[in-house]
Amino acid sequence: MNVILCENVDNLGEMGQRVDVADGYARNYLIPRKLAVQADSATAKQIDHEMRIIRRKEEKQRAALTAVADKMRDITLSFQMRAGDEDKIFGSVTTAMIAEQLKEEGFDVTRKQVILEEPIKSLGIFSVTVRLLSGIESSVKVWVTGLHDEVTTSAEDEAEETEQAVETTDED
C-alpha cells in the first residue's frame, strides 16, 4: 500500500515522504495512529492538502526544537565518578546517564539522541552532541570530576583514630 507519512517513523521514513508498506502494517498501525494517510485512494487535492498540513506541522516542530537547542547549549552537566590512576574513571559516562540528567534539567531527550563516539572514561570537560531532529543539533558540556574513594577516607579515619588512641595512652 502506498502511504504518505504524517510524522517521522523510525526505520521507515520522514514526515511528508511517500513510502510503500505492507497493507496490514498501514491498516493496523500507521493509519489508525495517524502516522500516515493512504495515498492511492485520495485525490490529488487531498494529498496536497495533507502535505501542506504536514509541512506546517514540521515547521512548528523545527521552530520549537531550535529554541530547545539554543537553551541546551548553555547547559553543563556534572558527573562525579570514582577515579583511579592517571584520571581514569571506574566505569564510564554513557549516553543513558547524559540523557537522564538532561531529563532532570527539563529536556525531553532519549539516549539515542545523545551522540558519543565512545563512552567517556576519564576526568575532564567534554563536549557532547545532542541530535534533536535531523539538521537540529546542540552541544552540551559534560564535566566529569573525581569522587573521593570511600575506602581511602575510611582508612584515613581509622589511622587518625589509632593516632589519637596512641597519644591518649602516652599521656597516661
Protein backbone atom coordinates (compact mmCIF):
# COMPACT_ATOMS: atom_id res chain seq x y z
CA MET A 1 0.00 0.00 0.00
CA ASN A 2 1.29 3.43 -0.89
CA VAL A 3 1.08 5.93 2.03
CA ILE A 4 2.27 9.43 2.85
CA LEU A 5 3.86 9.74 6.31
CA CYS A 6 2.36 12.36 8.62
CA GLU A 7 5.20 12.04 11.16
CA ASN A 8 8.73 10.69 11.25
CA VAL A 9 8.59 6.91 11.67
CA ASP A 10 11.74 5.07 12.73
CA ASN A 11 13.17 2.71 10.11
CA LEU A 12 10.52 3.80 7.59
CA GLY A 13 10.88 7.43 6.60
CA GLU A 14 10.42 11.09 7.39
CA MET A 15 7.35 13.27 7.52
CA GLY A 16 5.87 14.00 4.07
CA GLN A 17 7.65 11.13 2.38
CA ARG A 18 5.69 8.73 0.16
CA VAL A 19 6.50 5.08 1.02
CA ASP A 20 5.24 1.65 0.04
CA VAL A 21 4.41 -0.61 3.03
CA ALA A 22 2.56 -3.85 3.67
CA ASP A 23 -1.23 -3.50 3.65
CA GLY A 24 -1.64 -4.81 7.19
CA TYR A 25 1.05 -2.51 8.57
CA ALA A 26 -0.68 0.50 7.02
CA ARG A 27 -4.24 -0.50 8.00
CA ASN A 28 -3.49 -1.74 11.52
CA TYR A 29 -0.67 0.52 12.67
CA LEU A 30 0.14 3.60 10.59
CA ILE A 31 -3.32 4.89 9.61
CA PRO A 32 -5.13 4.34 12.99
CA ARG A 33 -2.32 6.14 14.84
CA LYS A 34 -2.44 8.98 12.28
CA LEU A 35 1.20 8.36 11.37
CA ALA A 36 0.29 8.09 7.68
CA VAL A 37 -2.55 8.63 5.17
CA GLN A 38 -3.34 6.40 2.23
CA ALA A 39 -2.02 7.89 -1.00
CA ASP A 40 -3.78 5.64 -3.54
CA SER A 41 -7.40 6.34 -2.72
CA ALA A 42 -7.06 10.06 -2.07
CA THR A 43 -7.43 12.58 -4.83
CA ALA A 44 -4.52 14.79 -5.74
CA LYS A 45 -6.06 17.78 -3.94
CA GLN A 46 -6.46 15.81 -0.72
CA ILE A 47 -2.87 14.67 -0.87
CA ASP A 48 -1.67 18.24 -1.47
CA HIS A 49 -3.78 19.41 1.47
CA GLU A 50 -2.28 16.71 3.71
CA MET A 51 1.21 17.67 2.57
CA ARG A 52 0.59 21.33 3.45
CA ILE A 53 -0.64 20.29 6.91
CA ILE A 54 2.40 18.07 7.34
CA ARG A 55 4.79 20.85 6.30
CA ARG A 56 3.18 23.35 8.69
CA LYS A 57 3.43 20.82 11.50
CA GLU A 58 7.08 20.15 10.66
CA GLU A 59 7.88 23.89 10.58
CA LYS A 60 6.32 24.38 14.02
CA GLN A 61 8.22 21.37 15.35
CA ARG A 62 11.52 22.63 13.88
CA ALA A 63 10.99 26.11 15.38
CA ALA A 64 10.26 24.64 18.80
CA LEU A 65 13.24 22.27 18.67
CA THR A 66 15.56 25.08 17.51
CA ALA A 67 14.58 27.07 20.60
CA VAL A 68 15.21 24.00 22.77
CA ALA A 69 18.62 23.51 21.12
CA ASP A 70 19.56 27.12 21.89
CA LYS A 71 18.63 26.66 25.56
CA MET A 72 20.50 23.37 25.69
CA ARG A 73 23.79 24.99 24.58
CA ASP A 74 24.01 26.77 27.95
CA ILE A 75 23.73 23.54 29.95
CA THR A 76 26.69 21.99 31.75
CA LEU A 77 26.16 18.52 33.19
CA SER A 78 28.28 17.33 36.10
CA PHE A 79 29.11 13.73 36.94
CA GLN A 80 31.09 12.61 39.98
CA MET A 81 32.80 9.31 39.37
CA ARG A 82 35.35 7.26 41.26
CA ALA A 83 38.72 7.71 39.61
CA GLY A 84 41.92 5.73 39.67
CA ASP A 85 45.42 6.40 38.42
CA GLU A 86 46.00 8.88 35.61
CA ASP A 87 42.47 10.31 35.93
CA LYS A 88 40.83 7.16 34.55
CA ILE A 89 37.37 6.58 35.99
CA PHE A 90 35.92 3.26 37.07
CA GLY A 91 33.14 2.54 34.57
CA SER A 92 32.17 5.27 32.13
CA VAL A 93 29.74 8.10 31.47
CA THR A 94 27.24 6.76 28.94
CA THR A 95 24.55 8.21 26.69
CA ALA A 96 21.86 6.92 29.07
CA MET A 97 23.39 8.80 32.00
CA ILE A 98 23.61 12.01 29.98
CA ALA A 99 20.00 11.66 28.75
CA GLU A 100 18.81 11.06 32.32
CA GLN A 101 20.47 14.24 33.57
CA LEU A 102 19.06 16.21 30.64
CA LYS A 103 15.58 14.96 31.59
CA GLU A 104 16.19 16.17 35.14
CA GLU A 105 17.06 19.57 33.65
CA GLY A 106 13.70 19.59 31.81
CA PHE A 107 14.72 18.45 28.30
CA ASP A 108 12.89 15.53 26.72
CA VAL A 109 15.82 13.59 25.26
CA THR A 110 16.36 9.88 24.71
CA ARG A 111 19.71 8.12 24.90
CA LYS A 112 19.59 7.55 21.14
CA GLN A 113 19.62 11.30 20.56
CA VAL A 114 22.86 11.72 22.55
CA ILE A 115 25.81 11.22 20.20
CA LEU A 116 29.01 9.86 21.74
CA GLU A 117 31.74 8.38 19.58
CA GLU A 118 32.86 6.35 22.59
CA PRO A 119 31.89 6.39 26.28
CA ILE A 120 33.69 8.93 28.46
CA LYS A 121 36.27 7.09 30.57
CA SER A 122 38.41 9.86 32.05
CA LEU A 123 38.09 13.01 34.14
CA GLY A 124 37.71 16.34 32.38
CA ILE A 125 35.34 18.52 30.39
CA PHE A 126 33.83 17.09 27.21
CA SER A 127 31.53 18.44 24.51
CA VAL A 128 28.68 16.06 23.67
CA THR A 129 26.34 16.44 20.68
CA VAL A 130 22.59 16.01 21.09
CA ARG A 131 20.63 15.48 17.85
CA LEU A 132 17.05 16.65 18.40
CA LEU A 133 15.94 16.26 14.77
CA SER A 134 17.78 15.82 11.50
CA GLY A 135 19.55 19.12 10.98
CA ILE A 136 18.94 20.37 14.53
CA GLU A 137 21.81 19.60 16.88
CA SER A 138 23.08 21.12 20.08
CA SER A 139 26.23 20.61 22.11
CA VAL A 140 26.22 20.10 25.86
CA LYS A 141 29.24 20.37 28.14
CA VAL A 142 29.84 17.33 30.33
CA TRP A 143 32.10 17.83 33.31
CA VAL A 144 33.43 14.63 34.89
CA THR A 145 35.00 15.12 38.31
CA GLY A 146 36.60 12.67 40.70
CA LEU A 147 34.82 11.36 43.76
CA HIS A 148 36.90 10.69 46.85
CA ASP A 149 37.25 6.97 47.33
CA GLU A 150 35.21 5.76 50.34
CA VAL A 151 37.78 3.08 51.15
CA THR A 152 40.59 5.62 51.29
CA THR A 153 38.68 8.03 53.52
CA SER A 154 37.65 5.27 55.92
CA ALA A 155 41.27 4.05 56.09
CA GLU A 156 42.40 7.61 56.79
CA ASP A 157 39.76 7.92 59.55
CA GLU A 158 40.96 4.67 61.14
CA ALA A 159 44.57 5.89 61.03
CA GLU A 160 43.57 9.14 62.74
CA GLU A 161 41.66 7.24 65.44
CA THR A 162 44.66 4.98 66.02
CA GLU A 163 46.95 8.02 66.32
CA GLN A 164 44.60 9.64 68.83
CA ALA A 165 44.40 6.41 70.84
CA VAL A 166 48.23 6.14 70.94
CA GLU A 167 48.51 9.78 72.02
CA THR A 168 45.94 9.21 74.78
CA THR A 169 47.78 6.14 76.14
CA ASP A 170 51.11 8.02 76.02
CA GLU A 171 49.65 10.80 78.17
CA ASP A 172 48.53 8.33 80.89
